Amino acid sequence: MTDSKKNVLVRLWFWFWQPNGRFAFGAIFIAGGIAGVIFWGGFNTFMEYTNTMTFCTSCHEMKAFPFEEYKKTAHYKNAAGVRVICSDCHVPKDWTRKLVRKIQATNELFHWVLGTIDTREKYEAKRLELAEHVWASMKASDSRECRNCHSYEAMDFHKQTRRARTKMQSGLKEGKTCIDCHKGVAHRLPEDYEDEDD
């Protein structure tokens, strides 16, 4: 390396670290980087906390109504000991989609403050509307959250009952998505729901 290049690097080094007014540019840059890492880490930690069962069931409405129904399903307790939690079905795993879902969830916080479904009667009155919203979202994503655990490729159709095998294979041929046939898997179907397949 020539002397002129060394001189340029030395001047650049000192310019970077030399005080400019009261602060050195380098110190500001490093402090900003550290603050950014701390903020990003805290933000991601909080995002992950909002995906826990503890957080999802922390309000009365969720613990008293949908959680009690869910505890009676195979997604909660089964022979394999694999438990699916709320976020597995209701929150995408992909970070960008997860962030969008969390932003959408601010509407749910608004309704929590208003007490829109804080009693059994209010919850039942809104059950079909709430379910249809979730079903539409799942259909639009081709049941993406279901497919995190279930896939046609991994299914052994010979181990299914004859009726299940027939329905699954016909659904596959017709291009149906999971939620087209599997409504009411984790929560009771609304009383006023009418299934077109029956």
Protein backbone atom coordinates (compact mmCIF):
# COMPACT_ATOMS: atom_id res chain seq x y z
CA MET A 1 0.00 0.00 0.00
CA THR A 2 1.39 3.37 -0.94
CA ASP A 3 1.91 6.19 1.51
CA SER A 4 -0.82 8.29 -0.11
CA LYS A 5 -3.37 5.48 0.34
CA LYS A 6 -2.27 5.05 3.96
CA ASN A 7 -2.67 8.78 4.52
CA VAL A 8 -6.18 8.70 3.03
CA LEU A 9 -7.17 5.76 5.27
CA VAL A 10 -5.69 7.44 8.36
CA ARG A 11 -7.50 10.72 7.57
CA LEU A 12 -10.73 8.82 6.96
CA TRP A 13 -10.30 6.96 10.26
CA PHE A 14 -9.74 10.17 12.20
CA TRP A 15 -12.59 11.93 10.39
CA PHE A 16 -14.91 9.09 11.35
CA TRP A 17 -13.92 9.18 15.02
CA GLN A 18 -13.06 12.87 15.46
CA PRO A 19 -15.57 14.94 17.39
CA ASN A 20 -17.92 16.92 15.23
CA GLY A 21 -19.43 19.50 17.51
CA ARG A 22 -20.03 17.51 20.72
CA PHE A 23 -20.23 13.95 19.30
CA ALA A 24 -18.08 11.80 17.09
CA PHE A 25 -19.83 10.53 13.98
CA GLY A 26 -18.54 7.00 14.69
CA ALA A 27 -19.90 7.03 18.24
CA ILE A 28 -23.30 8.16 17.00
CA PHE A 29 -23.24 5.46 14.32
CA ILE A 30 -22.36 2.72 16.83
CA ALA A 31 -24.86 3.96 19.44
CA GLY A 32 -27.57 4.05 16.77
CA GLY A 33 -26.67 0.51 15.69
CA ILE A 34 -26.83 -0.78 19.26
CA ALA A 35 -30.13 1.00 19.87
CA GLY A 36 -31.48 -0.48 16.62
CA VAL A 37 -30.47 -4.02 17.61
CA ILE A 38 -32.05 -3.60 21.07
CA PHE A 39 -35.26 -2.18 19.58
CA TRP A 40 -35.47 -4.91 16.92
CA GLY A 41 -34.79 -7.64 19.49
CA GLY A 42 -37.41 -6.25 21.85
CA PHE A 43 -39.94 -5.87 19.05
CA ASN A 44 -39.43 -9.47 17.87
CA THR A 45 -39.56 -10.79 21.44
CA PHE A 46 -42.88 -9.02 22.00
CA MET A 47 -44.21 -10.31 18.64
CA GLU A 48 -43.35 -13.86 19.68
CA TYR A 49 -44.91 -13.36 23.12
CA THR A 50 -48.19 -12.37 21.45
CA ASN A 51 -48.15 -15.81 19.76
CA THR A 52 -48.18 -17.75 23.05
CA MET A 53 -51.19 -19.55 24.50
CA THR A 54 -50.76 -17.49 27.68
CA PHE A 55 -51.21 -14.24 25.75
CA CYS A 56 -54.06 -15.54 23.58
CA THR A 57 -56.07 -16.69 26.60
CA SER A 58 -55.22 -13.72 28.82
CA CYS A 59 -58.55 -12.00 28.20
CA HIS A 60 -61.85 -13.27 29.56
CA GLU A 61 -63.53 -13.56 26.16
CA MET A 62 -60.95 -15.95 24.70
CA LYS A 63 -60.48 -18.04 27.85
CA ALA A 64 -64.19 -18.48 28.58
CA PHE A 65 -65.52 -19.22 25.11
CA PRO A 66 -63.24 -20.40 22.26
CA PHE A 67 -60.51 -21.82 24.52
CA GLU A 68 -62.96 -24.08 26.36
CA GLU A 69 -64.23 -25.45 23.03
CA TYR A 70 -60.71 -25.93 21.70
CA LYS A 71 -59.73 -27.99 24.79
CA LYS A 72 -62.23 -30.67 23.68
CA THR A 73 -60.61 -31.14 20.24
CA ALA A 74 -57.83 -33.32 18.86
CA HIS A 75 -55.76 -30.20 18.27
CA TYR A 76 -55.52 -29.77 22.06
CA LYS A 77 -55.16 -33.39 23.24
CA ASN A 78 -54.40 -36.42 21.09
CA ALA A 79 -52.60 -39.77 21.04
CA ALA A 80 -49.46 -38.26 19.48
CA GLY A 81 -49.16 -35.57 22.16
CA VAL A 82 -48.84 -32.81 19.57
CA ARG A 83 -50.63 -29.64 20.62
CA VAL A 84 -51.61 -26.89 18.22
CA ILE A 85 -51.98 -23.46 19.83
CA CYS A 86 -54.04 -20.45 18.72
CA SER A 87 -51.25 -18.81 16.73
CA ASP A 88 -50.57 -22.00 14.76
CA CYS A 89 -53.97 -21.58 13.07
CA HIS A 90 -54.53 -17.83 13.28
CA VAL A 91 -51.08 -16.28 12.68
CA PRO A 92 -48.87 -16.85 9.62
CA LYS A 93 -45.31 -18.04 10.25
CA ASP A 94 -43.78 -15.83 7.52
CA TRP A 95 -42.56 -12.63 9.23
CA THR A 96 -44.13 -10.11 6.83
CA ARG A 97 -47.53 -11.83 6.85
CA LYS A 98 -47.27 -12.19 10.62
CA LEU A 99 -46.71 -8.44 10.95
CA VAL A 100 -49.73 -7.73 8.73
CA ARG A 101 -51.85 -10.09 10.89
CA LYS A 102 -50.67 -8.35 14.07
CA ILE A 103 -51.66 -4.98 12.61
CA GLN A 104 -55.08 -6.42 11.72
CA ALA A 105 -55.37 -7.66 15.32
CA THR A 106 -55.47 -4.07 16.56
CA ASN A 107 -59.12 -4.14 15.41
CA GLU A 108 -59.68 -7.03 17.84
CA LEU A 109 -58.16 -4.94 20.64
CA PHE A 110 -60.54 -2.11 19.75
CA HIS A 111 -63.53 -4.48 20.07
CA TRP A 112 -62.10 -5.89 23.31
CA VAL A 113 -62.11 -2.36 24.78
CA LEU A 114 -65.70 -1.88 23.56
CA GLY A 115 -66.78 -5.21 25.07
CA THR A 116 -68.23 -6.41 21.76
CA ILE A 117 -68.14 -10.12 22.76
CA ASP A 118 -67.56 -10.01 26.52
CA THR A 119 -70.61 -12.14 27.43
CA ARG A 120 -71.72 -15.57 26.20
CA GLU A 121 -74.81 -14.00 24.60
CA LYS A 122 -72.80 -11.37 22.69
CA TYR A 123 -70.26 -14.00 21.63
CA GLU A 124 -72.94 -16.37 20.31
CA ALA A 125 -74.65 -13.51 18.46
CA LYS A 126 -71.36 -12.73 16.66
CA ARG A 127 -70.11 -16.33 16.29
CA LEU A 128 -71.14 -16.80 12.64
CA GLU A 129 -69.73 -13.42 11.60
CA LEU A 130 -66.43 -14.13 13.39
CA ALA A 131 -66.21 -17.64 11.93
CA GLU A 132 -66.96 -16.46 8.40
CA HIS A 133 -64.22 -13.86 8.66
CA VAL A 134 -61.66 -16.52 9.72
CA TRP A 135 -62.88 -18.98 7.06
CA ALA A 136 -62.60 -16.34 4.32
CA SER A 137 -59.08 -15.48 5.45
CA MET A 138 -58.07 -19.16 5.47
CA LYS A 139 -59.61 -19.76 2.06
CA ALA A 140 -57.81 -16.71 0.63
CA SER A 141 -54.47 -18.11 1.84
CA ASP A 142 -55.25 -21.64 0.57
CA SER A 143 -55.35 -22.79 4.22
CA ARG A 144 -51.68 -21.84 4.62
CA GLU A 145 -51.68 -22.30 8.40
CA CYS A 146 -53.25 -25.80 8.11
CA ARG A 147 -50.53 -26.75 5.64
CA ASN A 148 -47.80 -25.89 8.14
CA CYS A 149 -48.65 -29.25 9.73
CA HIS A 150 -50.79 -31.12 7.19
CA SER A 151 -49.90 -31.90 3.59
CA TYR A 152 -51.43 -34.13 0.94
CA GLU A 153 -47.96 -35.49 0.16
CA ALA A 154 -47.52 -36.80 3.72
CA MET A 155 -50.99 -38.35 4.00
CA ASP A 156 -51.36 -42.12 3.93
CA PHE A 157 -54.81 -42.39 2.38
CA HIS A 158 -54.89 -46.15 3.11
CA LYS A 159 -54.86 -45.42 6.86
CA GLN A 160 -57.91 -43.16 6.57
CA THR A 161 -61.49 -44.39 6.78
CA ARG A 162 -63.10 -45.12 3.43
CA ARG A 163 -65.32 -42.02 3.67
CA ALA A 164 -62.39 -39.74 4.67
CA ARG A 165 -60.20 -41.16 1.88
CA THR A 166 -62.93 -40.61 -0.73
CA LYS A 167 -63.65 -37.04 0.47
CA MET A 168 -59.95 -36.09 0.71
CA GLN A 169 -59.10 -37.44 -2.75
CA SER A 170 -62.14 -35.82 -4.33
CA GLY A 171 -61.31 -32.51 -2.60
CA LEU A 172 -57.77 -32.75 -3.96
CA LYS A 173 -59.05 -33.30 -7.51
CA GLU A 174 -61.54 -30.43 -7.21
CA GLY A 175 -58.86 -28.03 -5.94
CA LYS A 176 -60.52 -27.49 -2.58
CA THR A 177 -58.59 -26.09 0.34
CA CYS A 178 -58.67 -27.48 3.90
CA ILE A 179 -61.19 -24.98 5.27
CA ASP A 180 -63.72 -25.85 2.54
CA CYS A 181 -64.44 -29.13 4.35
CA HIS A 182 -62.96 -28.76 7.83
CA LYS A 183 -64.90 -25.91 9.42
CA GLY A 184 -65.57 -26.50 13.10
CA VAL A 185 -62.35 -28.46 13.69
CA ALA A 186 -61.17 -26.42 16.67
CA HIS A 187 -64.35 -24.52 17.57
CA ARG A 188 -68.04 -25.41 17.55
CA LEU A 189 -69.87 -24.43 14.36
CA PRO A 190 -72.32 -21.54 14.71
CA GLU A 191 -75.93 -22.70 15.17
CA ASP A 192 -77.09 -20.71 12.13
CA TYR A 193 -74.36 -22.12 9.85
CA GLU A 194 -75.57 -24.15 6.88
CA ASP A 195 -73.07 -26.51 5.21
CA GLU A 196 -73.46 -26.71 1.44
CA ASP A 197 -71.89 -30.21 1.35
CA ASP A 198 -74.53 -31.84 3.53
